[in-house]
Amino acid sequence: MDNLNLFVVRHGETLLNKLHRNQGWIDSDLTKEGVWTLNTLYNSINLPPIDAVFCSDLGRARETFSIIQQYCDVNKENVFYTPLLRERFLGSFEGTNLLETRKNIAEKAGFDSYSNLLANKSLAYFIDSTKKYDPNNLAEDFTEFSERVNEILSTIK
């Protein structure tokens, strides 16, 4: 098998990022600063030719890729948008205050802060706690999230 070069790119800054709101599957447009940063970054580097692109189907990811696409060589027929690459679904916590939500989940899990939880437990534990303390039990747990991501990674491979 040939070598696989995999580049992982996070979307540019969105309005919800700027407002410190949880943004799993709900969407938010890129800010002017987010667009400027992407253009500045990708204008300053030489991207190699790209054989295929796998991108989240959410608008912020599509918008990010449309900016990057101006600076690289990729066949549009080899661009695939998929819900499998969405961020973790946060259920009832979608759109809520990021710092307050992290603190509340950590406290319910028996820790005085999010950073203390992560210092003593894994990120997977926090992700599972997010589902456990979601009042509607909608959030993805670590297994659901990792199975979804592993499915698309297998496809890419």
N, C-alpha and C. Protein backbone atom coordinates (compact mmCIF):
# COMPACT_ATOMS: atom_id res chain seq x y z
N MET A 1 0.84 -1.19 0.00
CA MET A 1 0.00 0.00 0.00
C MET A 1 0.88 1.25 0.00
N ASP A 2 0.50 2.23 -0.79
CA ASP A 2 1.21 3.49 -0.82
C ASP A 2 1.04 4.22 0.51
N ASN A 3 1.95 5.14 0.76
CA ASN A 3 1.81 5.97 1.96
C ASN A 3 0.58 6.85 1.83
N LEU A 4 -0.03 7.10 2.95
CA LEU A 4 -1.20 7.96 3.00
C LEU A 4 -0.84 9.20 3.80
N ASN A 5 -0.91 10.34 3.16
CA ASN A 5 -0.73 11.61 3.88
C ASN A 5 -2.11 12.14 4.21
N LEU A 6 -2.37 12.29 5.47
CA LEU A 6 -3.68 12.72 5.93
C LEU A 6 -3.52 14.06 6.63
N PHE A 7 -4.25 15.04 6.17
CA PHE A 7 -4.24 16.36 6.78
C PHE A 7 -5.59 16.58 7.44
N VAL A 8 -5.59 16.91 8.70
CA VAL A 8 -6.83 17.17 9.43
C VAL A 8 -6.91 18.67 9.68
N VAL A 9 -8.02 19.26 9.28
CA VAL A 9 -8.20 20.70 9.40
C VAL A 9 -9.48 20.98 10.17
N ARG A 10 -9.39 21.86 11.12
CA ARG A 10 -10.58 22.30 11.86
C ARG A 10 -11.16 23.51 11.14
N HIS A 11 -12.45 23.68 11.23
CA HIS A 11 -13.10 24.83 10.60
C HIS A 11 -12.58 26.14 11.20
N GLY A 12 -12.78 27.21 10.45
CA GLY A 12 -12.42 28.54 10.94
C GLY A 12 -13.34 28.97 12.07
N GLU A 13 -12.96 30.08 12.72
CA GLU A 13 -13.75 30.58 13.84
C GLU A 13 -15.17 30.91 13.40
N THR A 14 -16.13 30.46 14.22
CA THR A 14 -17.54 30.75 13.97
C THR A 14 -18.07 31.72 15.02
N LEU A 15 -19.27 32.22 14.76
CA LEU A 15 -19.90 33.12 15.73
C LEU A 15 -20.08 32.41 17.08
N LEU A 16 -20.52 31.15 17.06
CA LEU A 16 -20.70 30.43 18.32
C LEU A 16 -19.38 30.19 19.04
N ASN A 17 -18.28 29.97 18.29
CA ASN A 17 -16.96 29.88 18.93
C ASN A 17 -16.66 31.18 19.65
N LYS A 18 -16.87 32.28 18.96
CA LYS A 18 -16.57 33.61 19.52
C LYS A 18 -17.40 33.88 20.78
N LEU A 19 -18.62 33.36 20.80
CA LEU A 19 -19.51 33.56 21.95
C LEU A 19 -19.32 32.50 23.04
N HIS A 20 -18.36 31.61 22.84
CA HIS A 20 -18.06 30.52 23.79
C HIS A 20 -19.29 29.65 24.05
N ARG A 21 -19.93 29.27 22.95
CA ARG A 21 -21.11 28.40 23.00
C ARG A 21 -20.74 27.02 22.47
N ASN A 22 -21.34 25.99 23.06
CA ASN A 22 -21.15 24.63 22.56
C ASN A 22 -21.71 24.54 21.15
N GLN A 23 -20.94 23.91 20.28
CA GLN A 23 -21.33 23.84 18.89
C GLN A 23 -20.99 22.46 18.36
N GLY A 24 -21.84 21.52 18.61
CA GLY A 24 -21.63 20.19 18.08
C GLY A 24 -22.21 20.10 16.69
N TRP A 25 -23.48 19.78 16.60
CA TRP A 25 -24.12 19.62 15.30
C TRP A 25 -24.90 20.86 14.86
N ILE A 26 -25.13 21.81 15.78
CA ILE A 26 -25.78 23.04 15.32
C ILE A 26 -24.73 23.82 14.54
N ASP A 27 -25.18 24.62 13.61
CA ASP A 27 -24.23 25.28 12.72
C ASP A 27 -24.19 26.77 13.00
N SER A 28 -23.10 27.36 12.62
CA SER A 28 -22.88 28.78 12.78
C SER A 28 -21.93 29.23 11.69
N ASP A 29 -22.19 30.38 11.12
CA ASP A 29 -21.33 30.89 10.04
C ASP A 29 -19.95 31.27 10.58
N LEU A 30 -18.98 31.25 9.68
CA LEU A 30 -17.65 31.73 10.03
C LEU A 30 -17.71 33.24 10.28
N THR A 31 -16.90 33.70 11.22
CA THR A 31 -16.80 35.14 11.45
C THR A 31 -15.90 35.75 10.38
N LYS A 32 -15.93 37.07 10.27
CA LYS A 32 -15.03 37.76 9.33
C LYS A 32 -13.58 37.45 9.69
N GLU A 33 -13.29 37.41 10.99
CA GLU A 33 -11.93 37.09 11.44
C GLU A 33 -11.56 35.65 11.07
N GLY A 34 -12.52 34.74 11.19
CA GLY A 34 -12.28 33.36 10.80
C GLY A 34 -11.95 33.22 9.33
N VAL A 35 -12.68 33.94 8.49
CA VAL A 35 -12.43 33.93 7.05
C VAL A 35 -11.06 34.55 6.76
N TRP A 36 -10.77 35.68 7.40
CA TRP A 36 -9.49 36.36 7.20
C TRP A 36 -8.33 35.45 7.60
N THR A 37 -8.45 34.79 8.75
CA THR A 37 -7.39 33.90 9.23
C THR A 37 -7.14 32.76 8.25
N LEU A 38 -8.21 32.15 7.77
CA LEU A 38 -8.06 31.05 6.79
C LEU A 38 -7.37 31.53 5.52
N ASN A 39 -7.81 32.66 5.00
CA ASN A 39 -7.20 33.20 3.79
C ASN A 39 -5.73 33.55 4.02
N THR A 40 -5.42 34.15 5.14
CA THR A 40 -4.04 34.51 5.46
C THR A 40 -3.17 33.27 5.58
N LEU A 41 -3.65 32.27 6.30
CA LEU A 41 -2.88 31.05 6.49
C LEU A 41 -2.63 30.32 5.18
N TYR A 42 -3.68 30.04 4.44
CA TYR A 42 -3.53 29.21 3.24
C TYR A 42 -2.89 29.98 2.08
N ASN A 43 -2.93 31.29 2.11
CA ASN A 43 -2.22 32.08 1.12
C ASN A 43 -0.71 32.05 1.37
N SER A 44 -0.31 31.74 2.61
CA SER A 44 1.11 31.78 2.97
C SER A 44 1.81 30.42 2.87
N ILE A 45 1.07 29.35 2.58
CA ILE A 45 1.69 28.03 2.48
C ILE A 45 1.40 27.41 1.12
N ASN A 46 2.27 26.54 0.70
CA ASN A 46 2.07 25.82 -0.55
C ASN A 46 1.54 24.43 -0.24
N LEU A 47 0.29 24.22 -0.53
CA LEU A 47 -0.31 22.91 -0.31
C LEU A 47 0.07 21.97 -1.44
N PRO A 48 0.35 20.71 -1.13
CA PRO A 48 0.61 19.74 -2.19
C PRO A 48 -0.69 19.42 -2.92
N PRO A 49 -0.61 18.82 -4.10
CA PRO A 49 -1.84 18.37 -4.77
C PRO A 49 -2.60 17.41 -3.84
N ILE A 50 -3.90 17.51 -3.87
CA ILE A 50 -4.74 16.72 -2.97
C ILE A 50 -5.56 15.75 -3.80
N ASP A 51 -5.47 14.46 -3.45
CA ASP A 51 -6.19 13.42 -4.20
C ASP A 51 -7.67 13.38 -3.85
N ALA A 52 -8.00 13.57 -2.58
CA ALA A 52 -9.40 13.50 -2.16
C ALA A 52 -9.59 14.33 -0.89
N VAL A 53 -10.79 14.81 -0.73
CA VAL A 53 -11.15 15.59 0.46
C VAL A 53 -12.39 14.95 1.07
N PHE A 54 -12.33 14.71 2.36
CA PHE A 54 -13.49 14.25 3.13
C PHE A 54 -13.78 15.35 4.14
N CYS A 55 -14.99 15.86 4.10
CA CYS A 55 -15.34 17.05 4.86
C CYS A 55 -16.69 16.84 5.54
N SER A 56 -16.82 17.39 6.72
CA SER A 56 -18.12 17.40 7.39
C SER A 56 -19.14 18.07 6.47
N ASP A 57 -20.37 17.65 6.60
CA ASP A 57 -21.45 18.24 5.80
C ASP A 57 -21.99 19.54 6.37
N LEU A 58 -21.51 19.94 7.55
CA LEU A 58 -22.01 21.17 8.16
C LEU A 58 -21.47 22.40 7.42
N GLY A 59 -22.25 23.46 7.44
CA GLY A 59 -21.92 24.67 6.71
C GLY A 59 -20.57 25.27 7.06
N ARG A 60 -20.20 25.27 8.34
CA ARG A 60 -18.92 25.88 8.74
C ARG A 60 -17.74 25.12 8.15
N ALA A 61 -17.86 23.80 8.01
CA ALA A 61 -16.79 23.00 7.40
C ALA A 61 -16.77 23.22 5.89
N ARG A 62 -17.94 23.25 5.29
CA ARG A 62 -18.03 23.49 3.84
C ARG A 62 -17.44 24.87 3.50
N GLU A 63 -17.79 25.86 4.31
CA GLU A 63 -17.29 27.22 4.07
C GLU A 63 -15.77 27.26 4.24
N THR A 64 -15.27 26.57 5.25
CA THR A 64 -13.82 26.49 5.46
C THR A 64 -13.14 25.87 4.26
N PHE A 65 -13.68 24.74 3.78
CA PHE A 65 -13.06 24.09 2.63
C PHE A 65 -13.15 24.95 1.38
N SER A 66 -14.24 25.68 1.20
CA SER A 66 -14.36 26.51 0.00
C SER A 66 -13.27 27.58 -0.03
N ILE A 67 -12.83 28.03 1.14
CA ILE A 67 -11.73 28.99 1.21
C ILE A 67 -10.40 28.28 0.90
N ILE A 68 -10.18 27.13 1.54
CA ILE A 68 -8.94 26.38 1.32
C ILE A 68 -8.81 25.97 -0.15
N GLN A 69 -9.92 25.62 -0.76
CA GLN A 69 -9.93 25.13 -2.14
C GLN A 69 -9.34 26.15 -3.12
N GLN A 70 -9.40 27.42 -2.77
CA GLN A 70 -8.82 28.46 -3.61
C GLN A 70 -7.29 28.35 -3.68
N TYR A 71 -6.70 27.66 -2.71
CA TYR A 71 -5.25 27.60 -2.57
C TYR A 71 -4.66 26.22 -2.84
N CYS A 72 -5.47 25.31 -3.36
CA CYS A 72 -4.96 23.96 -3.59
C CYS A 72 -5.53 23.38 -4.88
N ASP A 73 -4.91 22.31 -5.31
CA ASP A 73 -5.33 21.62 -6.53
C ASP A 73 -6.05 20.34 -6.11
N VAL A 74 -7.36 20.31 -6.29
CA VAL A 74 -8.15 19.12 -5.98
C VAL A 74 -9.30 19.01 -6.99
N ASN A 75 -9.54 17.81 -7.47
CA ASN A 75 -10.63 17.55 -8.40
C ASN A 75 -11.94 17.59 -7.63
N LYS A 76 -12.88 18.42 -8.06
CA LYS A 76 -14.16 18.56 -7.36
C LYS A 76 -14.92 17.25 -7.24
N GLU A 77 -14.66 16.32 -8.17
CA GLU A 77 -15.31 15.01 -8.11
C GLU A 77 -14.78 14.16 -6.96
N ASN A 78 -13.67 14.56 -6.38
CA ASN A 78 -13.06 13.83 -5.26
C ASN A 78 -13.24 14.56 -3.93
N VAL A 79 -14.31 15.34 -3.83
CA VAL A 79 -14.65 16.03 -2.58
C VAL A 79 -15.94 15.40 -2.07
N PHE A 80 -15.87 14.87 -0.85
CA PHE A 80 -16.98 14.13 -0.27
C PHE A 80 -17.40 14.77 1.05
N TYR A 81 -18.67 15.14 1.15
CA TYR A 81 -19.22 15.72 2.38
C TYR A 81 -19.99 14.63 3.11
N THR A 82 -19.74 14.51 4.40
CA THR A 82 -20.35 13.42 5.16
C THR A 82 -20.67 13.84 6.59
N PRO A 83 -21.81 13.37 7.11
CA PRO A 83 -22.13 13.63 8.52
C PRO A 83 -21.21 12.85 9.48
N LEU A 84 -20.49 11.86 8.96
CA LEU A 84 -19.60 11.07 9.82
C LEU A 84 -18.46 11.91 10.38
N LEU A 85 -18.15 13.05 9.76
CA LEU A 85 -17.07 13.91 10.22
C LEU A 85 -17.55 15.11 11.04
N ARG A 86 -18.80 15.07 11.44
CA ARG A 86 -19.29 16.14 12.31
C ARG A 86 -18.61 16.06 13.68
N GLU A 87 -18.61 17.20 14.35
CA GLU A 87 -18.12 17.21 15.73
C GLU A 87 -19.05 16.33 16.57
N ARG A 88 -18.67 16.11 17.79
CA ARG A 88 -19.45 15.28 18.70
C ARG A 88 -20.81 15.93 18.96
N PHE A 89 -21.86 15.11 18.88
CA PHE A 89 -23.21 15.61 19.15
C PHE A 89 -23.38 15.80 20.65
N LEU A 90 -23.80 17.00 21.05
CA LEU A 90 -23.87 17.36 22.46
C LEU A 90 -25.29 17.32 23.03
N GLY A 91 -26.24 16.86 22.24
CA GLY A 91 -27.60 16.70 22.74
C GLY A 91 -28.17 17.98 23.31
N SER A 92 -28.67 17.92 24.54
CA SER A 92 -29.30 19.07 25.19
C SER A 92 -28.33 20.21 25.46
N PHE A 93 -27.04 19.95 25.35
CA PHE A 93 -26.03 20.98 25.62
C PHE A 93 -25.66 21.79 24.37
N GLU A 94 -26.24 21.45 23.23
CA GLU A 94 -25.98 22.21 22.01
C GLU A 94 -26.37 23.67 22.23
N GLY A 95 -25.47 24.59 21.92
CA GLY A 95 -25.75 26.02 22.01
C GLY A 95 -25.62 26.63 23.39
N THR A 96 -25.37 25.81 24.42
CA THR A 96 -25.25 26.34 25.77
C THR A 96 -23.86 26.93 25.98
N ASN A 97 -23.70 27.66 27.08
CA ASN A 97 -22.41 28.27 27.41
C ASN A 97 -21.37 27.17 27.63
N LEU A 98 -20.28 27.24 26.89
CA LEU A 98 -19.24 26.20 26.91
C LEU A 98 -18.64 26.01 28.31
N LEU A 99 -18.20 27.09 28.92
CA LEU A 99 -17.52 26.97 30.22
C LEU A 99 -18.48 26.53 31.33
N GLU A 100 -19.69 27.07 31.32
CA GLU A 100 -20.68 26.66 32.33
C GLU A 100 -21.05 25.19 32.18
N THR A 101 -21.22 24.75 30.95
CA THR A 101 -21.58 23.34 30.71
C THR A 101 -20.47 22.42 31.18
N ARG A 102 -19.23 22.72 30.83
CA ARG A 102 -18.10 21.90 31.28
C ARG A 102 -18.04 21.84 32.80
N LYS A 103 -18.22 22.99 33.45
CA LYS A 103 -18.17 23.05 34.91
C LYS A 103 -19.31 22.24 35.52
N ASN A 104 -20.51 22.39 34.99
CA ASN A 104 -21.67 21.67 35.54
C ASN A 104 -21.53 20.16 35.39
N ILE A 105 -21.04 19.71 34.24
CA ILE A 105 -20.86 18.27 34.04
C ILE A 105 -19.78 17.75 34.98
N ALA A 106 -18.69 18.50 35.11
CA ALA A 106 -17.61 18.09 36.02
C ALA A 106 -18.11 17.99 37.45
N GLU A 107 -18.89 18.95 37.88
CA GLU A 107 -19.42 18.93 39.25
C GLU A 107 -20.35 17.74 39.46
N LYS A 108 -21.21 17.46 38.50
CA LYS A 108 -22.11 16.32 38.61
C LYS A 108 -21.32 15.01 38.66
N ALA A 109 -20.15 15.00 38.02
CA ALA A 109 -19.30 13.81 38.02
C ALA A 109 -18.40 13.76 39.26
N GLY A 110 -18.54 14.74 40.17
CA GLY A 110 -17.80 14.72 41.42
C GLY A 110 -16.49 15.49 41.44
N PHE A 111 -16.29 16.41 40.51
CA PHE A 111 -15.06 17.20 40.44
C PHE A 111 -15.40 18.68 40.58
N ASP A 112 -14.45 19.45 41.10
CA ASP A 112 -14.73 20.87 41.30
C ASP A 112 -14.55 21.71 40.05
N SER A 113 -13.95 21.15 39.01
CA SER A 113 -13.76 21.89 37.77
C SER A 113 -13.53 20.92 36.60
N TYR A 114 -13.69 21.44 35.41
CA TYR A 114 -13.43 20.66 34.19
C TYR A 114 -11.96 20.27 34.13
N SER A 115 -11.07 21.20 34.43
CA SER A 115 -9.63 20.89 34.37
C SER A 115 -9.25 19.83 35.40
N ASN A 116 -9.88 19.85 36.57
CA ASN A 116 -9.62 18.83 37.58
C ASN A 116 -10.14 17.46 37.13
N LEU A 117 -11.29 17.45 36.47
CA LEU A 117 -11.81 16.20 35.92
C LEU A 117 -10.82 15.61 34.91
N LEU A 118 -10.34 16.46 33.99
CA LEU A 118 -9.40 15.97 32.98
C LEU A 118 -8.05 15.57 33.57
N ALA A 119 -7.66 16.20 34.67
CA ALA A 119 -6.40 15.84 35.32
C ALA A 119 -6.49 14.46 35.98
N ASN A 120 -7.70 14.05 36.33
CA ASN A 120 -7.89 12.78 37.04
C ASN A 120 -8.57 11.69 36.21
N LYS A 121 -9.20 12.07 35.15
CA LYS A 121 -9.91 11.13 34.28
C LYS A 121 -9.54 11.42 32.83
N SER A 122 -10.08 10.66 31.92
CA SER A 122 -9.78 10.84 30.50
C SER A 122 -10.83 11.73 29.84
N LEU A 123 -10.50 12.18 28.63
CA LEU A 123 -11.49 12.91 27.84
C LEU A 123 -12.68 12.00 27.53
N ALA A 124 -12.42 10.72 27.33
CA ALA A 124 -13.50 9.77 27.08
C ALA A 124 -14.48 9.75 28.27
N TYR A 125 -13.95 9.83 29.48
CA TYR A 125 -14.80 9.87 30.67
C TYR A 125 -15.69 11.11 30.64
N PHE A 126 -15.11 12.26 30.26
CA PHE A 126 -15.90 13.48 30.17
C PHE A 126 -16.98 13.35 29.10
N ILE A 127 -16.62 12.77 27.95
CA ILE A 127 -17.60 12.59 26.88
C ILE A 127 -18.74 11.69 27.35
N ASP A 128 -18.40 10.61 28.05
CA ASP A 128 -19.45 9.73 28.59
C ASP A 128 -20.29 10.46 29.63
N SER A 129 -19.65 11.31 30.43
CA SER A 129 -20.38 12.09 31.43
C SER A 129 -21.34 13.08 30.77
N THR A 130 -20.94 13.61 29.61
CA THR A 130 -21.82 14.53 28.89
C THR A 130 -23.13 13.82 28.56
N LYS A 131 -23.03 12.59 28.08
CA LYS A 131 -24.26 11.83 27.78
C LYS A 131 -25.02 11.50 29.07
N LYS A 132 -24.27 11.06 30.08
CA LYS A 132 -24.89 10.65 31.35
C LYS A 132 -25.71 11.79 31.96
N TYR A 133 -25.20 13.02 31.87
CA TYR A 133 -25.87 14.15 32.52
C TYR A 133 -26.70 15.00 31.55
N ASP A 134 -26.84 14.54 30.31
CA ASP A 134 -27.73 15.20 29.37
C ASP A 134 -29.16 14.86 29.81
N PRO A 135 -29.96 15.87 30.17
CA PRO A 135 -31.31 15.59 30.67
C PRO A 135 -32.19 14.79 29.71
N ASN A 136 -31.88 14.87 28.42
CA ASN A 136 -32.67 14.13 27.43
C ASN A 136 -31.93 12.92 26.88
N ASN A 137 -30.75 12.64 27.41
CA ASN A 137 -29.94 11.49 27.02
C ASN A 137 -29.71 11.43 25.50
N LEU A 138 -29.46 12.58 24.90
CA LEU A 138 -29.28 12.66 23.45
C LEU A 138 -27.81 12.73 23.03
N ALA A 139 -26.96 13.24 23.89
CA ALA A 139 -25.55 13.45 23.53
C ALA A 139 -24.88 12.12 23.18
N GLU A 140 -23.90 12.19 22.27
CA GLU A 140 -23.13 11.00 21.93
C GLU A 140 -22.19 10.66 23.08
N ASP A 141 -22.08 9.37 23.39
CA ASP A 141 -21.05 8.95 24.34
C ASP A 141 -19.78 8.65 23.56
N PHE A 142 -18.72 8.28 24.27
CA PHE A 142 -17.44 8.07 23.61
C PHE A 142 -17.50 6.94 22.58
N THR A 143 -18.19 5.87 22.89
CA THR A 143 -18.29 4.74 21.96
C THR A 143 -19.01 5.15 20.68
N GLU A 144 -20.14 5.84 20.81
CA GLU A 144 -20.90 6.28 19.63
C GLU A 144 -20.05 7.21 18.76
N PHE A 145 -19.38 8.16 19.41
CA PHE A 145 -18.55 9.11 18.68
C PHE A 145 -17.39 8.41 17.98
N SER A 146 -16.67 7.56 18.71
CA SER A 146 -15.49 6.91 18.12
C SER A 146 -15.88 5.92 17.02
N GLU A 147 -16.99 5.23 17.16
CA GLU A 147 -17.43 4.32 16.09
C GLU A 147 -17.75 5.09 14.81
N ARG A 148 -18.37 6.26 14.96
CA ARG A 148 -18.70 7.09 13.80
C ARG A 148 -17.42 7.57 13.11
N VAL A 149 -16.47 8.05 13.90
CA VAL A 149 -15.21 8.54 13.33
C VAL A 149 -14.40 7.39 12.72
N ASN A 150 -14.37 6.25 13.39
CA ASN A 150 -13.65 5.10 12.85
C ASN A 150 -14.25 4.62 11.54
N GLU A 151 -15.55 4.75 11.38
CA GLU A 151 -16.20 4.35 10.12
C GLU A 151 -15.66 5.17 8.96
N ILE A 152 -15.57 6.48 9.14
CA ILE A 152 -15.08 7.31 8.04
C ILE A 152 -13.58 7.13 7.84
N LEU A 153 -12.83 6.90 8.92
CA LEU A 153 -11.39 6.66 8.77
C LEU A 153 -11.14 5.38 7.98
N SER A 154 -11.95 4.37 8.19
CA SER A 154 -11.84 3.13 7.40
C SER A 154 -12.12 3.39 5.94
N THR A 155 -13.11 4.20 5.67
CA THR A 155 -13.44 4.56 4.29
C THR A 155 -12.28 5.31 3.63
N ILE A 156 -11.70 6.25 4.36
CA ILE A 156 -10.58 7.03 3.83
C ILE A 156 -9.39 6.12 3.55
N LYS A 157 -9.13 5.21 4.46
CA LYS A 157 -7.99 4.29 4.31
C LYS A 157 -8.18 3.41 3.09
